[in-house]
PDB file of N, CA and C in Angstrom:
ATOM      1  N   MET A   1     125.308 123.190 159.327  1.00  0.00           N
ATOM      2  CA  MET A   1     123.894 123.352 159.483  1.00  0.00           C
ATOM      3  C   MET A   1     123.170 124.139 160.638  1.00  0.00           C
ATOM      4  N   THR A   2     122.514 125.491 159.988  1.00  0.00           N
ATOM      5  CA  THR A   2     122.246 126.313 161.158  1.00  0.00           C
ATOM      6  C   THR A   2     121.282 126.261 161.661  1.00  0.00           C
ATOM      7  N   PRO A   3     120.545 125.745 163.040  1.00  0.00           N
ATOM      8  CA  PRO A   3     119.329 125.402 164.029  1.00  0.00           C
ATOM      9  C   PRO A   3     118.273 126.606 163.359  1.00  0.00           C
ATOM     10  N   ASN A   4     116.841 125.966 163.295  1.00  0.00           N
ATOM     11  CA  ASN A   4     115.468 126.801 163.290  1.00  0.00           C
ATOM     12  C   ASN A   4     115.101 127.573 164.394  1.00  0.00           C
ATOM     13  N   ALA A   5     115.613 128.361 164.144  1.00  0.00           N
ATOM     14  CA  ALA A   5     115.366 129.289 165.470  1.00  0.00           C
ATOM     15  C   ALA A   5     113.297 129.390 165.856  1.00  0.00           C
ATOM     16  N   ASP A   6     112.828 129.362 164.373  1.00  0.00           N
ATOM     17  CA  ASP A   6     111.328 129.344 165.452  1.00  0.00           C
ATOM     18  C   ASP A   6     110.642 127.646 164.607  1.00  0.00           C
ATOM     19  N   GLY A   7     111.444 126.761 164.915  1.00  0.00           N
ATOM     20  CA  GLY A   7     111.008 125.426 164.680  1.00  0.00           C
ATOM     21  C   GLY A   7     110.573 124.903 166.748  1.00  0.00           C
ATOM     22  N   PRO A   8     109.734 123.805 166.412  1.00  0.00           N
ATOM     23  CA  PRO A   8     109.248 122.730 167.391  1.00  0.00           C
ATOM     24  C   PRO A   8     110.086 122.781 168.439  1.00  0.00           C
ATOM     25  N   GLY A   9     111.294 122.255 167.828  1.00  0.00           N
ATOM     26  CA  GLY A   9     112.223 122.432 168.551  1.00  0.00           C
ATOM     27  C   GLY A   9     113.440 123.547 169.628  1.00  0.00           C
ATOM     28  N   MET A  10     113.023 124.583 169.042  1.00  0.00           N
ATOM     29  CA  MET A  10     113.763 125.266 169.809  1.00  0.00           C
ATOM     30  C   MET A  10     112.275 126.429 170.635  1.00  0.00           C
ATOM     31  N   GLN A  11     110.772 125.921 170.329  1.00  0.00           N
ATOM     32  CA  GLN A  11     110.613 126.679 170.589  1.00  0.00           C
ATOM     33  C   GLN A  11     109.883 126.215 172.365  1.00  0.00           C
ATOM     34  N   TRP A  12     109.770 124.522 172.220  1.00  0.00           N
ATOM     35  CA  TRP A  12     109.413 123.767 173.154  1.00  0.00           C
ATOM     36  C   TRP A  12     111.341 124.844 174.364  1.00  0.00           C
ATOM     37  N   PHE A  13     112.183 124.481 173.914  1.00  0.00           N
ATOM     38  CA  PHE A  13     113.169 124.928 174.875  1.00  0.00           C
ATOM     39  C   PHE A  13     113.433 126.476 174.916  1.00  0.00           C
ATOM     40  N   THR A  14     113.117 126.932 174.930  1.00  0.00           N
ATOM     41  CA  THR A  14     112.943 128.875 175.386  1.00  0.00           C
ATOM     42  C   THR A  14     111.691 128.580 176.058  1.00  0.00           C
ATOM     43  N   ALA A  15     110.660 127.890 176.266  1.00  0.00           N
ATOM     44  CA  ALA A  15     109.865 128.006 176.685  1.00  0.00           C
ATOM     45  C   ALA A  15     109.888 127.168 178.157  1.00  0.00           C
ATOM     46  N   ALA A  16     110.519 126.213 177.594  1.00  0.00           N
ATOM     47  CA  ALA A  16     111.336 125.612 178.678  1.00  0.00           C
ATOM     48  C   ALA A  16     112.341 126.197 179.991  1.00  0.00           C
ATOM     49  N   ARG A  17     113.113 127.089 179.390  1.00  0.00           N
ATOM     50  CA  ARG A  17     113.174 128.113 180.528  1.00  0.00           C
ATOM     51  C   ARG A  17     114.902 127.535 180.938  1.00  0.00           C
ATOM     52  N   LEU A  18     114.350 126.865 181.741  1.00  0.00           N
ATOM     53  CA  LEU A  18     115.553 126.668 183.471  1.00  0.00           C
ATOM     54  C   LEU A  18     115.395 124.285 183.283  1.00  0.00           C
ATOM     55  N   GLY A  19     117.064 124.492 182.535  1.00  0.00           N
ATOM     56  CA  GLY A  19     117.159 122.894 182.393  1.00  0.00           C
ATOM     57  C   GLY A  19     119.026 122.939 183.484  1.00  0.00           C
ATOM     58  N   MET A  20     118.730 121.264 184.216  1.00  0.00           N
ATOM     59  CA  MET A  20     119.657 121.512 184.704  1.00  0.00           C
ATOM     60  C   MET A  20     121.086 120.687 183.258  1.00  0.00           C
ATOM     61  N   PHE A  21     122.344 120.637 183.387  1.00  0.00           N
ATOM     62  CA  PHE A  21     123.818 120.549 183.144  1.00  0.00           C
ATOM     63  C   PHE A  21     124.377 119.652 183.292  1.00  0.00           C
ATOM     64  N   ILE A  22     124.488 119.189 183.298  1.00  0.00           N
ATOM     65  CA  ILE A  22     125.632 117.592 183.755  1.00  0.00           C
ATOM     66  C   ILE A  22     126.515 117.572 183.539  1.00  0.00           C
ATOM     67  N   HIS A  23     127.853 118.216 183.367  1.00  0.00           N
ATOM     68  CA  HIS A  23     129.284 117.804 182.782  1.00  0.00           C
ATOM     69  C   HIS A  23     129.665 117.345 184.299  1.00  0.00           C
ATOM     70  N   TRP A  24     129.999 116.166 183.597  1.00  0.00           N
ATOM     71  CA  TRP A  24     131.304 114.792 184.923  1.00  0.00           C
ATOM     72  C   TRP A  24     131.878 114.074 184.490  1.00  0.00           C
ATOM     73  N   GLY A  25     132.466 114.302 185.022  1.00  0.00           N
ATOM     74  CA  GLY A  25     133.529 113.130 184.746  1.00  0.00           C
ATOM     75  C   GLY A  25     134.514 112.316 185.235  1.00  0.00           C
ATOM     76  N   LEU A  26     136.366 111.566 184.604  1.00  0.00           N
ATOM     77  CA  LEU A  26     137.047 111.206 184.992  1.00  0.00           C
ATOM     78  C   LEU A  26     138.064 112.552 185.282  1.00  0.00           C
ATOM     79  N   TYR A  27     138.010 113.256 184.927  1.00  0.00           N
ATOM     80  CA  TYR A  27     138.272 114.434 185.233  1.00  0.00           C
ATOM     81  C   TYR A  27     138.164 115.042 186.700  1.00  0.00           C
ATOM     82  N   SER A  28     136.650 114.615 187.049  1.00  0.00           N
ATOM     83  CA  SER A  28     137.188 115.146 188.498  1.00  0.00           C
ATOM     84  C   SER A  28     137.691 114.748 190.178  1.00  0.00           C
ATOM     85  N   THR A  29     137.891 113.664 189.122  1.00  0.00           N
ATOM     86  CA  THR A  29     138.966 112.670 190.292  1.00  0.00           C
ATOM     87  C   THR A  29     140.038 113.215 190.825  1.00  0.00           C
ATOM     88  N   PRO A  30     140.939 113.943 189.624  1.00  0.00           N
ATOM     89  CA  PRO A  30     141.726 114.914 190.909  1.00  0.00           C
ATOM     90  C   PRO A  30     141.378 115.925 190.969  1.00  0.00           C
ATOM     91  N   GLY A  31     140.199 116.639 190.876  1.00  0.00           N
ATOM     92  CA  GLY A  31     139.049 118.160 191.322  1.00  0.00           C
ATOM     93  C   GLY A  31     139.341 118.700 189.971  1.00  0.00           C
ATOM     94  N   HIS A  32     140.223 118.012 188.645  1.00  0.00           N
ATOM     95  CA  HIS A  32     139.621 119.509 187.738  1.00  0.00           C
ATOM     96  C   HIS A  32     138.413 119.708 186.802  1.00  0.00           C
ATOM     97  N   HIS A  33     139.308 120.406 186.039  1.00  0.00           N
ATOM     98  CA  HIS A  33     138.666 120.793 185.006  1.00  0.00           C
ATOM     99  C   HIS A  33     138.280 120.609 183.389  1.00  0.00           C
ATOM    100  N   GLU A  34     137.618 119.628 183.085  1.00  0.00           N
ATOM    101  CA  GLU A  34     137.473 118.913 181.694  1.00  0.00           C
ATOM    102  C   GLU A  34     138.767 119.209 180.721  1.00  0.00           C
ATOM    103  N   TRP A  35     139.026 120.025 180.713  1.00  0.00           N
ATOM    104  CA  TRP A  35     140.301 120.423 180.225  1.00  0.00           C
ATOM    105  C   TRP A  35     141.542 119.839 180.517  1.00  0.00           C
ATOM    106  N   LEU A  36     142.391 119.361 181.334  1.00  0.00           N
ATOM    107  CA  LEU A  36     143.041 119.235 182.548  1.00  0.00           C
ATOM    108  C   LEU A  36     143.667 118.649 181.792  1.00  0.00           C
ATOM    109  N   GLN A  37     143.368 117.076 180.971  1.00  0.00           N
ATOM    110  CA  GLN A  37     144.267 116.589 180.194  1.00  0.00           C
ATOM    111  C   GLN A  37     144.919 117.519 179.153  1.00  0.00           C
ATOM    112  N   THR A  38     144.879 118.470 178.439  1.00  0.00           N
ATOM    113  CA  THR A  38     145.049 119.160 177.557  1.00  0.00           C
ATOM    114  C   THR A  38     145.869 120.498 178.286  1.00  0.00           C
ATOM    115  N   TYR A  39     145.265 121.510 179.202  1.00  0.00           N
ATOM    116  CA  TYR A  39     145.908 122.414 180.093  1.00  0.00           C
ATOM    117  C   TYR A  39     147.122 121.424 180.529  1.00  0.00           C
ATOM    118  N   GLN A  40     147.500 120.802 181.391  1.00  0.00           N
ATOM    119  CA  GLN A  40     148.365 119.886 182.125  1.00  0.00           C
ATOM    120  C   GLN A  40     149.177 119.454 181.295  1.00  0.00           C
ATOM    121  N   LYS A  41     148.885 119.596 179.823  1.00  0.00           N
ATOM    122  CA  LYS A  41     149.980 117.724 178.985  1.00  0.00           C
ATOM    123  C   LYS A  41     149.522 116.872 179.383  1.00  0.00           C
ATOM    124  N   ILE A  42     149.060 116.299 180.262  1.00  0.00           N
ATOM    125  CA  ILE A  42     149.022 114.960 180.764  1.00  0.00           C
ATOM    126  C   ILE A  42     148.973 113.531 179.641  1.00  0.00           C
ATOM    127  N   ALA A  43     150.073 112.973 179.659  1.00  0.00           N
ATOM    128  CA  ALA A  43     150.055 112.222 178.382  1.00  0.00           C
ATOM    129  C   ALA A  43     148.625 110.660 178.958  1.00  0.00           C
ATOM    130  N   PRO A  44     148.191 110.340 177.650  1.00  0.00           N
ATOM    131  CA  PRO A  44     147.475 109.679 177.593  1.00  0.00           C
ATOM    132  C   PRO A  44     147.088 108.366 178.975  1.00  0.00           C
ATOM    133  N   GLU A  45     148.369 107.624 178.080  1.00  0.00           N
ATOM    134  CA  GLU A  45     148.367 106.726 179.146  1.00  0.00           C
ATOM    135  C   GLU A  45     149.023 107.097 181.021  1.00  0.00           C
ATOM    136  N   VAL A  46     148.895 108.225 181.234  1.00  0.00           N
ATOM    137  CA  VAL A  46     149.076 108.578 182.137  1.00  0.00           C
ATOM    138  C   VAL A  46     147.441 109.194 183.215  1.00  0.00           C
ATOM    139  N   TYR A  47     147.205 110.437 182.129  1.00  0.00           N
ATOM    140  CA  TYR A  47     145.558 110.192 182.483  1.00  0.00           C
ATOM    141  C   TYR A  47     144.998 109.678 182.915  1.00  0.00           C
ATOM    142  N   GLU A  48     144.706 108.292 181.814  1.00  0.00           N
ATOM    143  CA  GLU A  48     144.483 106.624 181.842  1.00  0.00           C
ATOM    144  C   GLU A  48     143.929 106.301 182.774  1.00  0.00           C
ATOM    145  N   LYS A  49     145.476 106.778 184.135  1.00  0.00           N
ATOM    146  CA  LYS A  49     145.489 105.763 185.115  1.00  0.00           C
ATOM    147  C   LYS A  49     144.587 106.434 186.133  1.00  0.00           C
ATOM    148  N   TYR A  50     143.563 107.869 186.014  1.00  0.00           N
ATOM    149  CA  TYR A  50     142.599 108.503 187.281  1.00  0.00           C
ATOM    150  C   TYR A  50     141.681 107.296 187.008  1.00  0.00           C
ATOM    151  N   SER A  51     141.051 106.771 185.978  1.00  0.00           N
ATOM    152  CA  SER A  51     140.003 105.967 185.804  1.00  0.00           C
ATOM    153  C   SER A  51     140.184 104.352 186.501  1.00  0.00           C
ATOM    154  N   LYS A  52     141.355 104.148 187.007  1.00  0.00           N
ATOM    155  CA  LYS A  52     141.181 103.888 188.267  1.00  0.00           C
ATOM    156  C   LYS A  52     141.826 103.805 189.933  1.00  0.00           C
ATOM    157  N   TYR A  53     140.492 105.145 189.662  1.00  0.00           N
ATOM    158  CA  TYR A  53     140.262 105.354 190.823  1.00  0.00           C
ATOM    159  C   TYR A  53     139.257 106.220 191.038  1.00  0.00           C
ATOM    160  N   PHE A  54     138.177 106.199 189.882  1.00  0.00           N
ATOM    161  CA  PHE A  54     137.142 107.257 189.359  1.00  0.00           C
ATOM    162  C   PHE A  54     135.667 106.239 189.855  1.00  0.00           C
ATOM    163  N   ASP A  55     135.512 107.192 191.300  1.00  0.00           N
ATOM    164  CA  ASP A  55     134.715 106.040 191.711  1.00  0.00           C
ATOM    165  C   ASP A  55     133.698 107.092 192.429  1.00  0.00           C
ATOM    166  N   PRO A  56     132.822 107.736 191.897  1.00  0.00           N
ATOM    167  CA  PRO A  56     131.682 108.644 191.785  1.00  0.00           C
ATOM    168  C   PRO A  56     130.261 108.564 192.850  1.00  0.00           C
ATOM    169  N   ASP A  57     131.123 108.014 193.609  1.00  0.00           N
ATOM    170  CA  ASP A  57     129.787 107.789 195.558  1.00  0.00           C
ATOM    171  C   ASP A  57     129.073 108.644 195.884  1.00  0.00           C
ATOM    172  N   LEU A  58     128.921 109.189 194.731  1.00  0.00           N
ATOM    173  CA  LEU A  58     127.937 110.724 195.100  1.00  0.00           C
ATOM    174  C   LEU A  58     126.899 110.935 194.269  1.00  0.00           C
ATOM    175  N   TYR A  59     126.733 109.387 192.925  1.00  0.00           N
ATOM    176  CA  TYR A  59     125.707 109.475 191.907  1.00  0.00           C
ATOM    177  C   TYR A  59     124.925 108.764 192.104  1.00  0.00           C
ATOM    178  N   ASP A  60     123.992 109.961 191.973  1.00  0.00           N
ATOM    179  CA  ASP A  60     122.761 109.254 192.922  1.00  0.00           C
ATOM    180  C   ASP A  60     121.564 110.126 191.360  1.00  0.00           C
ATOM    181  N   PRO A  61     121.065 109.706 190.299  1.00  0.00           N
ATOM    182  CA  PRO A  61     120.180 110.276 188.959  1.00  0.00           C
ATOM    183  C   PRO A  61     118.777 110.588 189.801  1.00  0.00           C
ATOM    184  N   VAL A  62     118.397 110.011 190.670  1.00  0.00           N
ATOM    185  CA  VAL A  62     117.104 109.991 190.744  1.00  0.00           C
ATOM    186  C   VAL A  62     116.714 111.172 192.061  1.00  0.00           C
ATOM    187  N   HIS A  63     117.989 111.424 193.177  1.00  0.00           N
ATOM    188  CA  HIS A  63     117.868 112.360 193.601  1.00  0.00           C
ATOM    189  C   HIS A  63     118.314 113.775 192.514  1.00  0.00           C
ATOM    190  N   TRP A  64     119.873 113.349 191.537  1.00  0.00           N
ATOM    191  CA  TRP A  64     119.470 114.952 191.163  1.00  0.00           C
ATOM    192  C   TRP A  64     117.641 115.157 190.066  1.00  0.00           C
ATOM    193  N   VAL A  65     117.849 114.183 189.761  1.00  0.00           N
ATOM    194  CA  VAL A  65     115.947 114.483 188.741  1.00  0.00           C
ATOM    195  C   VAL A  65     115.018 114.768 189.959  1.00  0.00           C
ATOM    196  N   LYS A  66     115.299 115.018 190.945  1.00  0.00           N
ATOM    197  CA  LYS A  66     113.955 114.835 191.732  1.00  0.00           C
ATOM    198  C   LYS A  66     114.589 116.457 192.251  1.00  0.00           C
ATOM    199  N   THR A  67     115.382 116.519 193.099  1.00  0.00           N
ATOM    200  CA  THR A  67     116.264 118.012 192.923  1.00  0.00           C
ATOM    201  C   THR A  67     115.840 118.518 192.085  1.00  0.00           C
ATOM    202  N   ALA A  68     115.672 118.674 190.264  1.00  0.00           N
ATOM    203  CA  ALA A  68     116.029 119.289 189.458  1.00  0.00           C
ATOM    204  C   ALA A  68     114.121 120.181 189.425  1.00  0.00           C
ATOM    205  N   LYS A  69     113.539 118.383 189.088  1.00  0.00           N
ATOM    206  CA  LYS A  69     111.837 118.629 189.262  1.00  0.00           C
ATOM    207  C   LYS A  69     110.817 119.917 190.601  1.00  0.00           C
ATOM    208  N   ALA A  70     111.735 120.059 191.323  1.00  0.00           N
ATOM    209  CA  ALA A  70     111.485 120.184 193.302  1.00  0.00           C
ATOM    210  C   ALA A  70     111.865 121.987 192.953  1.00  0.00           C
ATOM    211  N   ALA A  71     113.603 122.669 191.748  1.00  0.00           N
ATOM    212  CA  ALA A  71     114.084 123.695 191.195  1.00  0.00           C
ATOM    213  C   ALA A  71     112.979 124.481 190.495  1.00  0.00           C
ATOM    214  N   GLY A  72     111.872 123.625 189.694  1.00  0.00           N
ATOM    215  CA  GLY A  72     111.186 123.766 188.427  1.00  0.00           C
ATOM    216  C   GLY A  72     111.935 123.603 187.314  1.00  0.00           C
ATOM    217  N   MET A  73     112.316 123.164 186.865  1.00  0.00           N
ATOM    218  CA  MET A  73     113.280 123.094 185.805  1.00  0.00           C
ATOM    219  C   MET A  73     112.362 121.634 185.057  1.00  0.00           C
ATOM    220  N   LYS A  74     112.968 121.298 184.071  1.00  0.00           N
ATOM    221  CA  LYS A  74     112.095 120.720 182.877  1.00  0.00           C
ATOM    222  C   LYS A  74     112.695 120.351 182.057  1.00  0.00           C
ATOM    223  N   TYR A  75     114.529 119.951 182.305  1.00  0.00           N
ATOM    224  CA  TYR A  75     115.206 119.094 181.233  1.00  0.00           C
ATOM    225  C   TYR A  75     116.051 119.462 181.753  1.00  0.00           C
ATOM    226  N   MET A  76     116.794 117.791 181.339  1.00  0.00           N
ATOM    227  CA  MET A  76     118.234 118.172 182.301  1.00  0.00           C
ATOM    228  C   MET A  76     119.365 116.595 180.588  1.00  0.00           C
ATOM    229  N   VAL A  77     121.054 117.288 181.010  1.00  0.00           N
ATOM    230  CA  VAL A  77     121.370 116.503 179.934  1.00  0.00           C
ATOM    231  C   VAL A  77     122.331 116.213 180.644  1.00  0.00           C
ATOM    232  N   LEU A  78     123.002 114.770 181.008  1.00  0.00           N
ATOM    233  CA  LEU A  78     124.410 114.541 180.861  1.00  0.00           C
ATOM    234  C   LEU A  78     125.984 114.598 179.560  1.00  0.00           C
ATOM    235  N   THR A  79     126.401 114.653 180.534  1.00  0.00           N
ATOM    236  CA  THR A  79     127.382 114.721 179.016  1.00  0.00           C
ATOM    237  C   THR A  79     128.151 112.774 178.865  1.00  0.00           C
ATOM    238  N   THR A  80     127.874 112.352 178.141  1.00  0.00           N
ATOM    239  CA  THR A  80     128.494 110.829 177.942  1.00  0.00           C
ATOM    240  C   THR A  80     129.448 110.759 178.165  1.00  0.00           C
ATOM    241  N   ASN A  81     130.092 110.930 177.021  1.00  0.00           N
ATOM    242  CA  ASN A  81     130.888 111.035 177.139  1.00  0.00           C
ATOM    243  C   ASN A  81     131.900 112.514 176.297  1.00  0.00           C
ATOM    244  N   HIS A  82     133.210 112.438 176.581  1.00  0.00           N
ATOM    245  CA  HIS A  82     134.286 114.060 176.697  1.00  0.00           C
ATOM    246  C   HIS A  82     135.457 113.599 175.833  1.00  0.00           C
ATOM    247  N   HIS A  83     135.288 115.036 175.449  1.00  0.00           N
ATOM    248  CA  HIS A  83     136.341 115.112 174.404  1.00  0.00           C
ATOM    249  C   HIS A  83     137.664 113.842 174.619  1.00  0.00           C
ATOM    250  N   GLU A  84     138.345 113.889 175.598  1.00  0.00           N
ATOM    251  CA  GLU A  84     139.220 112.770 176.119  1.00  0.00           C
ATOM    252  C   GLU A  84     138.905 110.833 175.950  1.00  0.00           C
ATOM    253  N   GLY A  85     138.163 111.376 175.530  1.00  0.00           N
ATOM    254  CA  GLY A  85     137.389 109.479 175.159  1.00  0.00           C
ATOM    255  C   GLY A  85     136.961 108.746 176.487  1.00  0.00           C
ATOM    256  N   PHE A  86     136.515 109.439 176.932  1.00  0.00           N
ATOM    257  CA  PHE A  86     136.358 108.303 178.798  1.00  0.00           C
ATOM    258  C   PHE A  86     134.485 108.441 178.341  1.00  0.00           C
ATOM    259  N   SER A  87     133.805 107.429 178.403  1.00  0.00           N
ATOM    260  CA  SER A  87     132.761 107.399 178.187  1.00  0.00           C
ATOM    261  C   SER A  87     131.943 106.518 179.493  1.00  0.00           C
ATOM    262  N   MET A  88     131.145 107.246 180.272  1.00  0.00           N
ATOM    263  CA  MET A  88     130.613 107.301 181.320  1.00  0.00           C
ATOM    264  C   MET A  88     129.023 106.326 180.682  1.00  0.00           C
ATOM    265  N   TRP A  89     129.335 105.222 180.017  1.00  0.00           N
ATOM    266  CA  TRP A  89     128.672 104.085 179.859  1.00  0.00           C
ATOM    267  C   TRP A  89     129.746 103.237 179.449  1.00  0.00           C
ATOM    268  N   ASP A  90     128.835 101.729 178.522  1.00  0.00           N
ATOM    269  CA  ASP A  90     129.627 100.359 178.821  1.00  0.00           C
ATOM    270  C   ASP A  90     129.544 100.733 177.149  1.00  0.00           C
ATOM    271  N   THR A  91     130.406 100.929 176.032  1.00  0.00           N
ATOM    272  CA  THR A  91     130.661 100.772 174.773  1.00  0.00           C
ATOM    273  C   THR A  91     131.614  99.852 174.543  1.00  0.00           C
ATOM    274  N   LYS A  92     131.787  99.081 173.391  1.00  0.00           N
ATOM    275  CA  LYS A  92     132.085  98.581 172.298  1.00  0.00           C
ATOM    276  C   LYS A  92     133.101  99.246 171.577  1.00  0.00           C
ATOM    277  N   LEU A  93     133.443 100.133 172.045  1.00  0.00           N
ATOM    278  CA  LEU A  93     134.628 101.152 171.380  1.00  0.00           C
ATOM    279  C   LEU A  93     135.409 100.850 171.810  1.00  0.00           C
ATOM    280  N   GLY A  94     136.112 100.557 174.068  1.00  0.00           N
ATOM    281  CA  GLY A  94     137.503 100.255 173.897  1.00  0.00           C
ATOM    282  C   GLY A  94     136.735 100.247 175.494  1.00  0.00           C
ATOM    283  N   ASP A  95     137.723  99.818 176.069  1.00  0.00           N
ATOM    284  CA  ASP A  95     137.701  99.872 177.804  1.00  0.00           C
ATOM    285  C   ASP A  95     137.988 101.351 178.736  1.00  0.00           C
ATOM    286  N   PHE A  96     138.410 101.868 177.349  1.00  0.00           N
ATOM    287  CA  PHE A  96     138.183 103.805 177.849  1.00  0.00           C
ATOM    288  C   PHE A  96     136.999 104.604 179.116  1.00  0.00           C
ATOM    289  N   ASN A  97     135.983 103.296 179.920  1.00  0.00           N
ATOM    290  CA  ASN A  97     134.674 103.985 180.196  1.00  0.00           C
ATOM    291  C   ASN A  97     133.880 103.843 182.198  1.00  0.00           C
ATOM    292  N   CYS A  98     133.263 104.001 182.807  1.00  0.00           N
ATOM    293  CA  CYS A  98     132.803 104.033 184.065  1.00  0.00           C
ATOM    294  C   CYS A  98     132.239 102.342 184.770  1.00  0.00           C
ATOM    295  N   ILE A  99     132.147 101.660 183.037  1.00  0.00           N
ATOM    296  CA  ILE A  99     132.050 100.557 183.421  1.00  0.00           C
ATOM    297  C   ILE A  99     133.119  99.726 184.350  1.00  0.00           C
ATOM    298  N   ASN A 100     134.817 100.173 183.332  1.00  0.00           N
ATOM    299  CA  ASN A 100     135.655  99.826 184.405  1.00  0.00           C
ATOM    300  C   ASN A 100     136.513 100.630 185.017  1.00  0.00           C
ATOM    301  N   THR A 101     135.264 100.688 185.958  1.00  0.00           N
ATOM    302  CA  THR A 101     136.461 101.535 187.315  1.00  0.00           C
ATOM    303  C   THR A 101     136.029 101.092 188.736  1.00  0.00           C
ATOM    304  N   PRO A 102     136.535 101.158 188.771  1.00  0.00           N
ATOM    305  CA  PRO A 102     135.433 100.860 190.505  1.00  0.00           C
ATOM    306  C   PRO A 102     133.676 101.529 191.129  1.00  0.00           C
ATOM    307  N   LEU A 103     133.526 102.034 190.191  1.00  0.00           N
ATOM    308  CA  LEU A 103     131.624 102.384 190.193  1.00  0.00           C
ATOM    309  C   LEU A 103     131.271 101.408 190.706  1.00  0.00           C
TER     310      LEU A 103
END
């Protein structure tokens, strides 16, 4: 599917110009990038152990929104499910999510 470059969504996106993209998840526990499991060839059963230590102590979405607005940002995008399967919400598809961490 090719996006409509002249459609209302693209017009809004172009006019908004500045936004915040938050790509954050389980891989931040050991202080690495989102492809940690793949690049380091970590088996799923080993990688899943990071969820026991995932404690986003700086999780403060109200502060994020205030900061984004103060900087003139018009939108925010939060990655909520990652390619390794870890979800940033309670999902019925499994227990590999932030609800089942020390959060």
